Amino acid sequence: MSPVDPSCSFCCQVGAHLPEKTQNEMIDVASWKLRNGEDFNPKNKDHVFAILSHRLCLDPAMATSEAIELADRSVAHHMRILAGFSPKGDRFYTHSPSEPVLVMGSINLLHRSKSGDLPQVLNTLSRDLCGAGLVEKGILGELAARTLLLIARDFAAPRGLHGPDLLKPVGVLGFLETLFGRNIFTGF
């Protein structure tokens, strides 16, 4: 018997694939795990840090006790990974895994409806995480640039069941029109 059984409902000609229903369930589970089973609150620093960590590669600043507590809660409850300890054992390092299902789960939470929670999430990121010095912002404008480009990419993508369908490619012109407006090329 071959490793891919063609009679299996989870398989197709090119290999094993999950049916759409199972994929949607996996995205729902990922969303649930990112928010620790609670109702998503776009004003909750833990929720916002958890979902944006997978989209924007956020890292805690680890300079204040509040940032350390945020990182600790993120490892304990919001799918962040403990990466190691300093040689003296007085610091710990974390990172967000680049798991596609967690990214899809975060997109599900960010773009659940037409209006979505994105404006409030960005407000919480700006005011409560960046403004409080809880996340690393990188070199001048790095976090802002990543945020701007990923949001433009999200809005340029076709809509799927769970928000933007990031599995479908987006044309460069469509992306640029989303980022700069439809009249970008008329001024030349």
Protein backbone atom coordinates (compact mmCIF):
# COMPACT_ATOMS: atom_id res chain seq x y z
CA MET A 1 0.00 0.00 0.00
CA SER A 2 1.34 3.43 -0.91
CA PRO A 3 1.81 6.07 1.82
CA VAL A 4 -0.93 8.15 0.17
CA ASP A 5 -4.15 6.19 -0.04
CA PRO A 6 -6.23 7.69 -2.92
CA SER A 7 -9.47 6.43 -1.37
CA CYS A 8 -8.86 8.51 1.76
CA SER A 9 -11.03 11.65 1.93
CA PHE A 10 -8.00 13.59 3.21
CA CYS A 11 -5.92 12.87 0.11
CA CYS A 12 -5.86 13.95 -3.49
CA GLN A 13 -3.76 13.14 -6.54
CA VAL A 14 -0.79 15.34 -5.65
CA GLY A 15 -0.48 14.17 -2.03
CA ALA A 16 -2.13 14.47 1.34
CA HIS A 17 -4.19 17.63 1.81
CA LEU A 18 -6.67 18.54 4.46
CA PRO A 19 -10.21 19.15 3.30
CA GLU A 20 -11.41 22.73 3.60
CA LYS A 21 -13.53 21.94 6.66
CA THR A 22 -10.50 20.57 8.52
CA GLN A 23 -8.35 23.53 7.45
CA ASN A 24 -10.97 25.94 8.81
CA GLU A 25 -11.10 23.99 12.06
CA MET A 26 -7.31 24.18 12.35
CA ILE A 27 -7.39 27.95 11.83
CA ASP A 28 -10.11 28.24 14.48
CA VAL A 29 -8.00 26.19 16.91
CA ALA A 30 -4.93 28.33 16.17
CA SER A 31 -6.99 31.48 16.84
CA TRP A 32 -8.27 29.94 20.06
CA LYS A 33 -4.73 29.05 21.20
CA LEU A 34 -3.36 32.50 20.38
CA ARG A 35 -5.99 34.14 22.59
CA ASN A 36 -5.69 31.42 25.27
CA GLY A 37 -9.33 30.39 24.83
CA GLU A 38 -10.62 33.80 25.85
CA ASP A 39 -12.79 36.11 23.78
CA PHE A 40 -10.48 38.21 21.64
CA ASN A 41 -10.07 41.71 23.03
CA PRO A 42 -8.24 44.17 20.74
CA LYS A 43 -7.46 46.32 23.81
CA ASN A 44 -5.73 43.43 25.63
CA LYS A 45 -1.93 43.79 25.38
CA ASP A 46 -1.43 40.02 25.67
CA HIS A 47 -3.84 39.26 22.83
CA VAL A 48 -2.43 41.97 20.56
CA PHE A 49 1.16 40.95 21.26
CA ALA A 50 0.30 37.30 20.58
CA ILE A 51 -1.37 37.82 17.23
CA LEU A 52 0.98 40.51 15.94
CA SER A 53 4.06 38.54 16.98
CA HIS A 54 3.28 36.06 14.24
CA ARG A 55 2.51 38.73 11.63
CA LEU A 56 5.09 41.41 12.43
CA CYS A 57 7.85 39.43 14.17
CA LEU A 58 7.44 41.35 17.41
CA ASP A 59 9.88 40.75 20.23
CA PRO A 60 9.56 41.95 23.82
CA ALA A 61 12.04 44.66 24.84
CA MET A 62 13.01 42.72 28.02
CA ALA A 63 14.21 45.98 29.58
CA THR A 64 11.45 46.43 32.15
CA SER A 65 9.67 44.10 34.53
CA GLU A 66 6.42 44.70 32.63
CA ALA A 67 8.04 43.55 29.34
CA ILE A 68 9.47 40.47 31.05
CA GLU A 69 6.03 39.64 32.46
CA LEU A 70 4.52 40.10 28.98
CA ALA A 71 7.07 37.66 27.54
CA ASP A 72 6.46 35.21 30.39
CA ARG A 73 2.67 35.29 29.87
CA SER A 74 3.18 34.92 26.11
CA VAL A 75 5.20 31.73 26.59
CA ALA A 76 2.78 30.35 29.18
CA HIS A 77 -0.49 31.18 27.41
CA HIS A 78 -0.12 32.54 23.87
CA MET A 79 1.99 30.17 21.73
CA ARG A 80 5.33 31.97 22.14
CA ILE A 81 8.38 29.69 22.47
CA LEU A 82 11.02 29.82 25.17
CA ALA A 83 14.27 29.85 23.17
CA GLY A 84 16.82 29.78 25.98
CA PHE A 85 18.48 31.45 28.92
CA SER A 86 21.45 33.75 29.25
CA PRO A 87 24.68 32.13 30.52
CA LYS A 88 24.09 33.60 33.99
CA GLY A 89 20.46 32.43 33.94
CA ASP A 90 19.19 35.91 34.73
CA ARG A 91 17.48 36.45 31.33
CA PHE A 92 15.39 34.34 29.05
CA TYR A 93 14.84 34.59 25.31
CA THR A 94 11.64 33.95 23.41
CA HIS A 95 10.42 33.98 19.83
CA SER A 96 7.24 33.44 17.89
CA PRO A 97 7.37 30.44 15.59
CA SER A 98 6.71 31.06 11.93
CA GLU A 99 3.98 28.44 11.76
CA PRO A 100 1.62 29.17 8.87
CA VAL A 101 -1.43 27.98 10.81
CA LEU A 102 -0.66 30.48 13.60
CA VAL A 103 -0.32 33.27 11.02
CA MET A 104 -3.68 32.25 9.55
CA GLY A 105 -5.13 32.19 13.08
CA SER A 106 -3.87 35.72 13.72
CA ILE A 107 -5.31 36.91 10.40
CA ASN A 108 -8.61 35.32 11.39
CA LEU A 109 -8.63 37.44 14.54
CA LEU A 110 -7.43 40.65 12.85
CA HIS A 111 -9.87 40.58 9.94
CA ARG A 112 -12.91 38.70 11.30
CA SER A 113 -15.44 41.09 9.89
CA LYS A 114 -15.64 43.82 7.27
CA SER A 115 -14.73 46.47 9.84
CA GLY A 116 -12.44 44.11 11.75
CA ASP A 117 -10.54 44.80 14.92
CA LEU A 118 -7.48 46.07 13.07
CA PRO A 119 -7.81 49.79 13.98
CA GLN A 120 -8.11 49.03 17.70
CA VAL A 121 -5.32 46.42 17.49
CA LEU A 122 -3.01 49.00 15.89
CA ASN A 123 -3.98 51.53 18.56
CA THR A 124 -3.10 49.02 21.30
CA LEU A 125 0.19 48.22 19.55
CA SER A 126 1.09 51.89 19.26
CA ARG A 127 -0.06 53.13 22.66
CA ASP A 128 0.21 50.18 25.03
CA LEU A 129 3.08 48.13 23.56
CA CYS A 130 5.37 50.52 21.64
CA GLY A 131 4.55 53.62 23.70
CA ALA A 132 5.18 51.74 26.93
CA GLY A 133 8.49 50.38 25.65
CA LEU A 134 7.35 46.75 25.80
CA VAL A 135 8.35 45.72 22.26
CA GLU A 136 11.49 46.14 20.20
CA LYS A 137 10.85 48.61 17.40
CA GLY A 138 14.08 47.95 15.52
CA ILE A 139 16.04 50.59 13.69
CA LEU A 140 14.32 53.82 12.74
CA GLY A 141 10.96 53.01 11.15
CA GLU A 142 11.53 49.24 10.87
CA LEU A 143 8.41 48.16 12.76
CA ALA A 144 6.30 50.85 11.09
CA ALA A 145 7.49 49.75 7.64
CA ARG A 146 6.74 46.07 8.34
CA THR A 147 3.30 47.01 9.66
CA LEU A 148 2.45 49.23 6.71
CA LEU A 149 3.58 46.71 4.09
CA LEU A 150 1.85 43.71 5.69
CA ILE A 151 -1.42 45.57 6.14
CA ALA A 152 -1.32 46.69 2.49
CA ARG A 153 -0.66 43.08 1.48
CA ASP A 154 -3.59 41.90 3.61
CA PHE A 155 -5.97 44.38 2.00
CA ALA A 156 -4.70 43.60 -1.52
CA ALA A 157 -5.42 39.88 -1.04
CA PRO A 158 -8.78 38.43 -2.09
CA ARG A 159 -11.17 37.81 0.80
CA GLY A 160 -11.56 34.26 2.02
CA LEU A 161 -13.64 32.68 4.76
CA HIS A 162 -11.27 33.86 7.50
CA GLY A 163 -10.35 37.27 6.12
CA PRO A 164 -7.68 37.89 3.50
CA ASP A 165 -6.68 34.73 1.68
CA LEU A 166 -2.91 34.97 1.98
CA LEU A 167 -2.46 31.70 0.16
CA LYS A 168 -3.40 33.38 -3.12
CA PRO A 169 -0.77 35.55 -4.80
CA VAL A 170 -1.24 39.28 -5.12
CA GLY A 171 -0.03 41.19 -8.15
CA VAL A 172 2.54 43.93 -7.66
CA LEU A 173 0.29 46.59 -9.22
CA GLY A 174 -2.62 45.59 -6.99
CA PHE A 175 -0.36 45.76 -3.95
CA LEU A 176 0.99 49.19 -4.94
CA GLU A 177 -2.52 50.52 -5.61
CA THR A 178 -3.59 49.30 -2.17
CA LEU A 179 -0.56 50.93 -0.58
CA PHE A 180 -0.55 54.25 -2.45
CA GLY A 181 -4.03 54.56 -3.98
CA ARG A 182 -5.48 53.90 -7.41
CA ASN A 183 -4.07 57.09 -8.94
CA ILE A 184 -0.45 56.24 -8.26
CA PHE A 185 0.56 56.08 -11.90
CA THR A 186 -1.54 58.97 -13.26
CA GLY A 187 0.73 61.76 -12.01
CA PHE A 188 3.61 60.91 -14.35
